[in-house]
């Protein structure tokens, strides 16, 4: 009796569990709709790799926490790349310590309005080596075949793309040694607001007590949370919180990002003693 066990890790760009590594981890097409990425195999076994596409984008719940949306037909019809995506090669075998160049192409569609269109690239890999087979005391054999999915975002700019951000009501709550700051936001323009958020907590003497910087990908209106880790000697009291959202990221070229005006907000934080 044979059982097949499949382990699927979705949404990873790279890591200790991945059988292949991918660079870059976010894809932007050039003026001709072309993007190139590299798949490397650092393992001692040959890997079978296949590339496919799925529409998806990050969203945020009422607490401002991130989750992924993969079934949104309306947004896909408006902003997805769909059948316009092509990839070469689509499936291949990559030997140990080898690298494969993969080229992605977005076919033009002049009927679409200007803006930034997007989708997700799914890279599935599994070892080509013989299956690992174990046998228990009853003589039942188990065949273990591990498959790994890694998901990359792909963006295609069509014509003039713009983005902007407006912060609305902001709430905060302290949980243990963490300060959760959640802001309503409205995204303008015809492109996601991709960049970073920087939160700084200042004491009455205007000295930095704690701060947090993180990447953001704000596709549609919602709420966004930044969590600041407070120092061990943190004292309850009155503080000033500064929020700064910018279309800047260390892992993405400024020429790829749709630029928008920085957005700052300053508010008073009162934590009763």
C-alpha atoms as a PDB file:
ATOM      1  CA  UNK A   1       0.000   0.000   0.000  1.00  0.00           C
ATOM      2  CA  UNK A   2       1.503   3.321  -1.037  1.00  0.00           C
ATOM      3  CA  UNK A   3       0.640   6.738   0.311  1.00  0.00           C
ATOM      4  CA  UNK A   4       1.751   9.969  -1.383  1.00  0.00           C
ATOM      5  CA  UNK A   5       2.416  12.885   0.892  1.00  0.00           C
ATOM      6  CA  UNK A   6       2.664  16.355  -0.590  1.00  0.00           C
ATOM      7  CA  UNK A   7       3.983  19.314   1.392  1.00  0.00           C
ATOM      8  CA  UNK A   8       3.039  22.640  -0.142  1.00  0.00           C
ATOM      9  CA  UNK A   9       4.489  25.851   1.211  1.00  0.00           C
ATOM     10  CA  UNK A  10       2.721  28.758  -0.476  1.00  0.00           C
ATOM     11  CA  UNK A  11       3.731  32.401  -0.380  1.00  0.00           C
ATOM     12  CA  UNK A  12       7.429  31.898   0.315  1.00  0.00           C
ATOM     13  CA  UNK A  13      10.003  33.804  -1.670  1.00  0.00           C
ATOM     14  CA  UNK A  14      12.935  31.768  -0.402  1.00  0.00           C
ATOM     15  CA  UNK A  15      14.074  30.107   2.789  1.00  0.00           C
ATOM     16  CA  UNK A  16      15.444  27.092   4.530  1.00  0.00           C
ATOM     17  CA  UNK A  17      12.563  24.879   3.404  1.00  0.00           C
ATOM     18  CA  UNK A  18      12.781  25.838  -0.258  1.00  0.00           C
ATOM     19  CA  UNK A  19      14.323  23.347  -2.659  1.00  0.00           C
ATOM     20  CA  UNK A  20      15.191  26.061  -5.172  1.00  0.00           C
ATOM     21  CA  UNK A  21      15.974  29.737  -4.667  1.00  0.00           C
ATOM     22  CA  UNK A  22      14.648  32.562  -6.835  1.00  0.00           C
ATOM     23  CA  UNK A  23      15.941  36.050  -7.613  1.00  0.00           C
ATOM     24  CA  UNK A  24      14.602  38.626  -7.725  1.00  0.00           C
ATOM     25  CA  UNK A  25      11.598  37.996  -5.474  1.00  0.00           C
ATOM     26  CA  UNK A  26       9.432  40.683  -7.110  1.00  0.00           C
ATOM     27  CA  UNK A  27       9.135  40.992 -10.891  1.00  0.00           C
ATOM     28  CA  UNK A  28       8.638  44.178 -12.905  1.00  0.00           C
ATOM     29  CA  UNK A  29       8.398  44.076 -16.682  1.00  0.00           C
ATOM     30  CA  UNK A  30      10.359  46.466 -18.887  1.00  0.00           C
ATOM     31  CA  UNK A  31       9.012  48.701 -21.665  1.00  0.00           C
ATOM     32  CA  UNK A  32       8.633  45.633 -23.898  1.00  0.00           C
ATOM     33  CA  UNK A  33       6.699  43.667 -21.308  1.00  0.00           C
ATOM     34  CA  UNK A  34       9.680  41.405 -20.513  1.00  0.00           C
ATOM     35  CA  UNK A  35      11.033  40.337 -17.127  1.00  0.00           C
ATOM     36  CA  UNK A  36      13.823  37.895 -16.318  1.00  0.00           C
ATOM     37  CA  UNK A  37      14.371  35.898 -13.156  1.00  0.00           C
ATOM     38  CA  UNK A  38      16.757  33.165 -12.061  1.00  0.00           C
ATOM     39  CA  UNK A  39      16.044  29.846 -10.391  1.00  0.00           C
ATOM     40  CA  UNK A  40      18.981  28.205  -8.623  1.00  0.00           C
ATOM     41  CA  UNK A  41      19.256  24.699  -7.251  1.00  0.00           C
ATOM     42  CA  UNK A  42      21.591  24.594  -4.223  1.00  0.00           C
ATOM     43  CA  UNK A  43      20.606  21.020  -3.343  1.00  0.00           C
ATOM     44  CA  UNK A  44      22.545  17.848  -4.246  1.00  0.00           C
ATOM     45  CA  UNK A  45      19.565  16.479  -6.208  1.00  0.00           C
ATOM     46  CA  UNK A  46      18.175  17.456  -9.584  1.00  0.00           C
ATOM     47  CA  UNK A  47      14.900  19.369  -9.280  1.00  0.00           C
ATOM     48  CA  UNK A  48      11.803  19.275 -11.427  1.00  0.00           C
ATOM     49  CA  UNK A  49      10.437  22.806 -11.736  1.00  0.00           C
ATOM     50  CA  UNK A  50       7.230  24.153 -13.250  1.00  0.00           C
ATOM     51  CA  UNK A  51       5.999  27.739 -13.545  1.00  0.00           C
ATOM     52  CA  UNK A  52       2.344  28.763 -13.522  1.00  0.00           C
ATOM     53  CA  UNK A  53       0.240  31.858 -12.774  1.00  0.00           C
ATOM     54  CA  UNK A  54      -2.434  32.768 -10.273  1.00  0.00           C
ATOM     55  CA  UNK A  55      -4.153  36.074  -9.562  1.00  0.00           C
ATOM     56  CA  UNK A  56      -3.770  37.328  -6.017  1.00  0.00           C
ATOM     57  CA  UNK A  57      -2.978  40.353  -3.892  1.00  0.00           C
ATOM     58  CA  UNK A  58      -2.418  41.226  -0.209  1.00  0.00           C
ATOM     59  CA  UNK A  59      -5.286  42.679   1.797  1.00  0.00           C
ATOM     60  CA  UNK A  60      -5.841  43.574   5.446  1.00  0.00           C
ATOM     61  CA  UNK A  61      -8.517  42.600   7.963  1.00  0.00           C
ATOM     62  CA  UNK A  62     -10.300  44.913  10.397  1.00  0.00           C
ATOM     63  CA  UNK A  63      -7.285  44.761  12.710  1.00  0.00           C
ATOM     64  CA  UNK A  64      -4.945  45.775   9.895  1.00  0.00           C
ATOM     65  CA  UNK A  65      -3.335  42.338   9.689  1.00  0.00           C
ATOM     66  CA  UNK A  66      -2.164  40.980   6.350  1.00  0.00           C
ATOM     67  CA  UNK A  67      -3.806  38.133   4.470  1.00  0.00           C
ATOM     68  CA  UNK A  68      -3.794  37.037   0.837  1.00  0.00           C
ATOM     69  CA  UNK A  69      -6.759  37.164  -1.544  1.00  0.00           C
ATOM     70  CA  UNK A  70      -6.705  34.644  -4.390  1.00  0.00           C
ATOM     71  CA  UNK A  71     -10.334  34.543  -5.513  1.00  0.00           C
ATOM     72  CA  UNK A  72     -11.559  37.969  -6.587  1.00  0.00           C
ATOM     73  CA  UNK A  73     -12.999  37.824 -10.074  1.00  0.00           C
ATOM     74  CA  UNK A  74     -13.906  41.524 -10.183  1.00  0.00           C
ATOM     75  CA  UNK A  75     -10.415  42.735  -9.275  1.00  0.00           C
ATOM     76  CA  UNK A  76      -8.873  40.175 -11.609  1.00  0.00           C
ATOM     77  CA  UNK A  77     -11.013  41.432 -14.503  1.00  0.00           C
ATOM     78  CA  UNK A  78      -9.907  45.012 -13.815  1.00  0.00           C
ATOM     79  CA  UNK A  79      -6.246  44.558 -12.841  1.00  0.00           C
ATOM     80  CA  UNK A  80      -5.131  40.984 -13.559  1.00  0.00           C
ATOM     81  CA  UNK A  81      -2.718  39.974 -16.313  1.00  0.00           C
ATOM     82  CA  UNK A  82      -4.523  36.701 -16.987  1.00  0.00           C
ATOM     83  CA  UNK A  83      -3.890  35.067 -20.355  1.00  0.00           C
ATOM     84  CA  UNK A  84      -1.520  37.878 -21.344  1.00  0.00           C
ATOM     85  CA  UNK A  85       1.251  36.179 -19.353  1.00  0.00           C
ATOM     86  CA  UNK A  86       3.765  33.875 -21.017  1.00  0.00           C
ATOM     87  CA  UNK A  87       6.849  32.213 -19.548  1.00  0.00           C
ATOM     88  CA  UNK A  88       9.817  30.419 -21.149  1.00  0.00           C
ATOM     89  CA  UNK A  89      10.563  27.692 -20.204  1.00  0.00           C
ATOM     90  CA  UNK A  90       7.410  26.683 -18.374  1.00  0.00           C
ATOM     91  CA  UNK A  91       8.798  23.401 -17.018  1.00  0.00           C
ATOM     92  CA  UNK A  92      12.334  22.046 -16.813  1.00  0.00           C
ATOM     93  CA  UNK A  93      14.811  20.009 -14.799  1.00  0.00           C
ATOM     94  CA  UNK A  94      17.640  21.846 -13.095  1.00  0.00           C
ATOM     95  CA  UNK A  95      20.730  19.933 -11.988  1.00  0.00           C
ATOM     96  CA  UNK A  96      22.521  20.194  -8.651  1.00  0.00           C
ATOM     97  CA  UNK A  97      24.215  23.573  -8.098  1.00  0.00           C
ATOM     98  CA  UNK A  98      22.905  24.826 -11.445  1.00  0.00           C
ATOM     99  CA  UNK A  99      20.926  27.909 -12.425  1.00  0.00           C
ATOM    100  CA  UNK A 100      18.117  28.378 -14.938  1.00  0.00           C
ATOM    101  CA  UNK A 101      17.210  31.663 -16.609  1.00  0.00           C
ATOM    102  CA  UNK A 102      13.439  32.148 -16.962  1.00  0.00           C
ATOM    103  CA  UNK A 103      11.893  34.866 -19.113  1.00  0.00           C
ATOM    104  CA  UNK A 104       8.402  36.179 -18.580  1.00  0.00           C
ATOM    105  CA  UNK A 105       6.449  38.176 -21.138  1.00  0.00           C
ATOM    106  CA  UNK A 106       3.214  40.160 -20.930  1.00  0.00           C
ATOM    107  CA  UNK A 107       1.464  40.448 -24.258  1.00  0.00           C
ATOM    108  CA  UNK A 108       0.211  43.971 -25.065  1.00  0.00           C
ATOM    109  CA  UNK A 109      -3.465  44.842 -24.839  1.00  0.00           C
ATOM    110  CA  UNK A 110      -4.154  48.380 -25.979  1.00  0.00           C
ATOM    111  CA  UNK A 111      -7.814  48.081 -24.993  1.00  0.00           C
ATOM    112  CA  UNK A 112      -6.794  48.248 -21.332  1.00  0.00           C
ATOM    113  CA  UNK A 113      -6.663  51.657 -19.608  1.00  0.00           C
ATOM    114  CA  UNK A 114      -3.411  53.024 -18.230  1.00  0.00           C
ATOM    115  CA  UNK A 115      -2.202  51.739 -14.882  1.00  0.00           C
ATOM    116  CA  UNK A 116      -0.181  49.093 -13.082  1.00  0.00           C
ATOM    117  CA  UNK A 117      -1.419  45.536 -13.670  1.00  0.00           C
ATOM    118  CA  UNK A 118      -0.376  42.600 -11.547  1.00  0.00           C
ATOM    119  CA  UNK A 119      -0.553  38.872 -10.906  1.00  0.00           C
ATOM    120  CA  UNK A 120       1.412  36.117  -9.121  1.00  0.00           C
ATOM    121  CA  UNK A 121       3.969  33.680 -10.461  1.00  0.00           C
ATOM    122  CA  UNK A 122       3.955  30.244  -8.817  1.00  0.00           C
ATOM    123  CA  UNK A 123       7.131  28.155  -8.971  1.00  0.00           C
ATOM    124  CA  UNK A 124       6.604  24.521  -7.994  1.00  0.00           C
ATOM    125  CA  UNK A 125       9.633  22.296  -7.371  1.00  0.00           C
ATOM    126  CA  UNK A 126      10.301  18.756  -6.238  1.00  0.00           C
ATOM    127  CA  UNK A 127      13.342  16.488  -6.237  1.00  0.00           C
ATOM    128  CA  UNK A 128      13.803  14.310  -9.296  1.00  0.00           C
ATOM    129  CA  UNK A 129      15.684  11.780  -7.156  1.00  0.00           C
ATOM    130  CA  UNK A 130      14.057   8.433  -6.351  1.00  0.00           C
ATOM    131  CA  UNK A 131      11.213   8.638  -3.866  1.00  0.00           C
ATOM    132  CA  UNK A 132      12.044   8.092  -0.219  1.00  0.00           C
ATOM    133  CA  UNK A 133      10.259   4.907   0.864  1.00  0.00           C
ATOM    134  CA  UNK A 134       9.773   3.813   4.465  1.00  0.00           C
ATOM    135  CA  UNK A 135       8.112   0.677   5.745  1.00  0.00           C
ATOM    136  CA  UNK A 136       6.382   0.177   9.089  1.00  0.00           C
ATOM    137  CA  UNK A 137       6.062  -2.952  11.226  1.00  0.00           C
ATOM    138  CA  UNK A 138       2.976  -4.123   9.307  1.00  0.00           C
ATOM    139  CA  UNK A 139       4.857  -4.011   6.043  1.00  0.00           C
ATOM    140  CA  UNK A 140       2.956  -0.955   4.759  1.00  0.00           C
ATOM    141  CA  UNK A 141       5.166   1.163   2.505  1.00  0.00           C
ATOM    142  CA  UNK A 142       4.958   4.948   2.406  1.00  0.00           C
ATOM    143  CA  UNK A 143       6.224   6.969  -0.520  1.00  0.00           C
ATOM    144  CA  UNK A 144       7.091  10.553   0.433  1.00  0.00           C
ATOM    145  CA  UNK A 145       7.221  13.120  -2.329  1.00  0.00           C
ATOM    146  CA  UNK A 146       7.734  16.703  -1.210  1.00  0.00           C
ATOM    147  CA  UNK A 147       6.508  19.559  -3.405  1.00  0.00           C
ATOM    148  CA  UNK A 148       7.207  23.202  -2.700  1.00  0.00           C
ATOM    149  CA  UNK A 149       5.385  26.248  -4.029  1.00  0.00           C
ATOM    150  CA  UNK A 150       6.986  29.687  -4.028  1.00  0.00           C
ATOM    151  CA  UNK A 151       4.929  32.741  -4.998  1.00  0.00           C
ATOM    152  CA  UNK A 152       6.272  35.939  -6.603  1.00  0.00           C
ATOM    153  CA  UNK A 153       4.440  39.148  -7.415  1.00  0.00           C
ATOM    154  CA  UNK A 154       4.674  40.385 -11.015  1.00  0.00           C
ATOM    155  CA  UNK A 155       3.820  43.948 -12.123  1.00  0.00           C
ATOM    156  CA  UNK A 156       3.301  45.371 -15.597  1.00  0.00           C
ATOM    157  CA  UNK A 157       3.058  49.117 -16.187  1.00  0.00           C
ATOM    158  CA  UNK A 158       0.814  50.219 -19.036  1.00  0.00           C
ATOM    159  CA  UNK A 159       1.097  53.870 -19.964  1.00  0.00           C
ATOM    160  CA  UNK A 160       1.067  56.400 -17.143  1.00  0.00           C
ATOM    161  CA  UNK A 161       0.770  54.875 -13.666  1.00  0.00           C
ATOM    162  CA  UNK A 162       0.200  56.950 -10.539  1.00  0.00           C
ATOM    163  CA  UNK A 163      -0.366  56.225  -6.881  1.00  0.00           C
ATOM    164  CA  UNK A 164      -1.171  58.140  -3.720  1.00  0.00           C
ATOM    165  CA  UNK A 165      -2.101  57.419  -0.136  1.00  0.00           C
ATOM    166  CA  UNK A 166      -4.308  59.127   2.424  1.00  0.00           C
ATOM    167  CA  UNK A 167      -4.295  58.092   6.080  1.00  0.00           C
ATOM    168  CA  UNK A 168      -7.557  58.280   8.012  1.00  0.00           C
ATOM    169  CA  UNK A 169      -8.445  57.417  11.589  1.00  0.00           C
ATOM    170  CA  UNK A 170      -5.600  55.851  13.568  1.00  0.00           C
ATOM    171  CA  UNK A 171      -5.979  53.672  16.658  1.00  0.00           C
ATOM    172  CA  UNK A 172      -3.396  52.168  18.976  1.00  0.00           C
ATOM    173  CA  UNK A 173      -3.384  49.445  21.603  1.00  0.00           C
ATOM    174  CA  UNK A 174      -0.628  48.115  23.856  1.00  0.00           C
ATOM    175  CA  UNK A 175      -0.321  44.355  24.222  1.00  0.00           C
ATOM    176  CA  UNK A 176       2.544  43.214  26.415  1.00  0.00           C
ATOM    177  CA  UNK A 177       5.714  44.844  25.111  1.00  0.00           C
ATOM    178  CA  UNK A 178       4.163  45.702  21.732  1.00  0.00           C
ATOM    179  CA  UNK A 179       2.293  48.784  20.559  1.00  0.00           C
ATOM    180  CA  UNK A 180      -0.089  48.051  17.673  1.00  0.00           C
ATOM    181  CA  UNK A 181      -0.880  51.091  15.520  1.00  0.00           C
ATOM    182  CA  UNK A 182      -3.690  50.646  12.995  1.00  0.00           C
ATOM    183  CA  UNK A 183      -4.619  53.293  10.408  1.00  0.00           C
ATOM    184  CA  UNK A 184      -7.411  53.461   7.890  1.00  0.00           C
ATOM    185  CA  UNK A 185      -6.070  54.278   4.442  1.00  0.00           C
ATOM    186  CA  UNK A 186      -7.389  55.275   1.031  1.00  0.00           C
ATOM    187  CA  UNK A 187      -5.263  54.523  -2.002  1.00  0.00           C
ATOM    188  CA  UNK A 188      -5.512  56.841  -4.995  1.00  0.00           C
ATOM    189  CA  UNK A 189      -4.304  56.630  -8.588  1.00  0.00           C
ATOM    190  CA  UNK A 190      -4.218  53.563 -10.814  1.00  0.00           C
ATOM    191  CA  UNK A 191      -1.417  51.593  -9.141  1.00  0.00           C
ATOM    192  CA  UNK A 192      -0.758  49.947  -5.769  1.00  0.00           C
ATOM    193  CA  UNK A 193       1.168  51.935  -3.168  1.00  0.00           C
ATOM    194  CA  UNK A 194       4.329  49.836  -2.820  1.00  0.00           C
ATOM    195  CA  UNK A 195       6.958  51.036  -0.374  1.00  0.00           C
ATOM    196  CA  UNK A 196       7.651  51.222   3.333  1.00  0.00           C
ATOM    197  CA  UNK A 197       6.084  52.405   6.572  1.00  0.00           C
ATOM    198  CA  UNK A 198       8.137  53.930   9.380  1.00  0.00           C
ATOM    199  CA  UNK A 199       6.691  54.433  12.863  1.00  0.00           C
ATOM    200  CA  UNK A 200       8.586  56.337  15.566  1.00  0.00           C
ATOM    201  CA  UNK A 201       7.567  56.757  19.208  1.00  0.00           C
ATOM    202  CA  UNK A 202       8.961  59.906  20.885  1.00  0.00           C
ATOM    203  CA  UNK A 203       9.040  60.834  24.569  1.00  0.00           C
ATOM    204  CA  UNK A 204       8.180  64.345  25.899  1.00  0.00           C
ATOM    205  CA  UNK A 205      11.814  65.381  25.329  1.00  0.00           C
ATOM    206  CA  UNK A 206      11.440  64.403  21.653  1.00  0.00           C
ATOM    207  CA  UNK A 207      13.823  61.465  22.067  1.00  0.00           C
ATOM    208  CA  UNK A 208      13.229  58.242  20.150  1.00  0.00           C
ATOM    209  CA  UNK A 209      11.909  55.555  22.493  1.00  0.00           C
ATOM    210  CA  UNK A 210      11.108  52.889  19.890  1.00  0.00           C
ATOM    211  CA  UNK A 211      10.645  52.607  16.146  1.00  0.00           C
ATOM    212  CA  UNK A 212       9.674  50.131  13.470  1.00  0.00           C
ATOM    213  CA  UNK A 213      10.142  50.107   9.707  1.00  0.00           C
ATOM    214  CA  UNK A 214       8.514  47.580   7.395  1.00  0.00           C
ATOM    215  CA  UNK A 215       7.662  47.118   3.744  1.00  0.00           C
ATOM    216  CA  UNK A 216       4.083  47.733   2.624  1.00  0.00           C
ATOM    217  CA  UNK A 217       2.001  46.739  -0.388  1.00  0.00           C
ATOM    218  CA  UNK A 218      -1.295  48.624  -0.285  1.00  0.00           C
ATOM    219  CA  UNK A 219      -3.389  47.619  -3.287  1.00  0.00           C
ATOM    220  CA  UNK A 220      -6.899  48.721  -2.299  1.00  0.00           C
ATOM    221  CA  UNK A 221      -8.512  50.754   0.502  1.00  0.00           C
ATOM    222  CA  UNK A 222      -8.443  49.224   3.968  1.00  0.00           C
ATOM    223  CA  UNK A 223      -6.585  49.284   7.285  1.00  0.00           C
ATOM    224  CA  UNK A 224      -2.894  48.798   7.906  1.00  0.00           C
ATOM    225  CA  UNK A 225      -1.092  47.890  11.115  1.00  0.00           C
ATOM    226  CA  UNK A 226       2.427  48.699  12.242  1.00  0.00           C
ATOM    227  CA  UNK A 227       3.616  46.956  15.411  1.00  0.00           C
ATOM    228  CA  UNK A 228       6.331  48.628  17.472  1.00  0.00           C
ATOM    229  CA  UNK A 229       8.327  46.550  19.934  1.00  0.00           C
ATOM    230  CA  UNK A 230       8.799  48.529  23.144  1.00  0.00           C
ATOM    231  CA  UNK A 231      11.989  48.429  25.246  1.00  0.00           C
ATOM    232  CA  UNK A 232      12.093  46.415  28.462  1.00  0.00           C
ATOM    233  CA  UNK A 233      12.340  49.576  30.586  1.00  0.00           C
ATOM    234  CA  UNK A 234       9.403  51.249  28.843  1.00  0.00           C
ATOM    235  CA  UNK A 235       7.434  53.556  31.157  1.00  0.00           C
ATOM    236  CA  UNK A 236       3.751  54.227  30.680  1.00  0.00           C
ATOM    237  CA  UNK A 237       2.834  57.861  30.039  1.00  0.00           C
ATOM    238  CA  UNK A 238       2.326  60.347  27.210  1.00  0.00           C
ATOM    239  CA  UNK A 239       4.191  60.034  23.922  1.00  0.00           C
ATOM    240  CA  UNK A 240       4.153  61.306  20.361  1.00  0.00           C
ATOM    241  CA  UNK A 241       3.795  58.882  17.468  1.00  0.00           C
ATOM    242  CA  UNK A 242       5.026  59.722  13.982  1.00  0.00           C
ATOM    243  CA  UNK A 243       3.983  57.677  10.932  1.00  0.00           C
ATOM    244  CA  UNK A 244       5.732  58.007   7.579  1.00  0.00           C
ATOM    245  CA  UNK A 245       4.652  56.077   4.447  1.00  0.00           C
ATOM    246  CA  UNK A 246       6.846  56.324   1.347  1.00  0.00           C
ATOM    247  CA  UNK A 247       7.156  54.644  -2.063  1.00  0.00           C
ATOM    248  CA  UNK A 248      10.687  53.485  -1.235  1.00  0.00           C
ATOM    249  CA  UNK A 249      12.004  49.958  -0.704  1.00  0.00           C
ATOM    250  CA  UNK A 250      15.526  48.646  -0.365  1.00  0.00           C
ATOM    251  CA  UNK A 251      14.778  45.527  -2.396  1.00  0.00           C
ATOM    252  CA  UNK A 252      13.110  47.262  -5.381  1.00  0.00           C
ATOM    253  CA  UNK A 253      14.629  49.803  -7.754  1.00  0.00           C
ATOM    254  CA  UNK A 254      13.118  53.286  -7.570  1.00  0.00           C
ATOM    255  CA  UNK A 255      12.646  53.183 -11.354  1.00  0.00           C
ATOM    256  CA  UNK A 256      10.331  50.175 -10.981  1.00  0.00           C
ATOM    257  CA  UNK A 257       8.229  51.588  -8.171  1.00  0.00           C
ATOM    258  CA  UNK A 258       5.358  53.918  -9.020  1.00  0.00           C
ATOM    259  CA  UNK A 259       6.286  57.054  -7.110  1.00  0.00           C
ATOM    260  CA  UNK A 260       3.852  58.857  -4.843  1.00  0.00           C
ATOM    261  CA  UNK A 261       4.131  61.720  -2.392  1.00  0.00           C
ATOM    262  CA  UNK A 262       5.276  60.754   1.137  1.00  0.00           C
ATOM    263  CA  UNK A 263       2.499  60.641   3.706  1.00  0.00           C
ATOM    264  CA  UNK A 264       3.134  61.644   7.323  1.00  0.00           C
ATOM    265  CA  UNK A 265       0.915  61.646  10.369  1.00  0.00           C
ATOM    266  CA  UNK A 266       1.636  62.742  13.923  1.00  0.00           C
ATOM    267  CA  UNK A 267      -0.552  61.942  16.923  1.00  0.00           C
ATOM    268  CA  UNK A 268      -0.435  61.869  20.681  1.00  0.00           C
ATOM    269  CA  UNK A 269      -0.322  58.510  22.449  1.00  0.00           C
ATOM    270  CA  UNK A 270      -1.471  58.337  26.057  1.00  0.00           C
ATOM    271  CA  UNK A 271      -0.756  55.105  27.951  1.00  0.00           C
ATOM    272  CA  UNK A 272      -2.188  55.339  31.471  1.00  0.00           C
ATOM    273  CA  UNK A 273       0.217  54.533  34.294  1.00  0.00           C
END
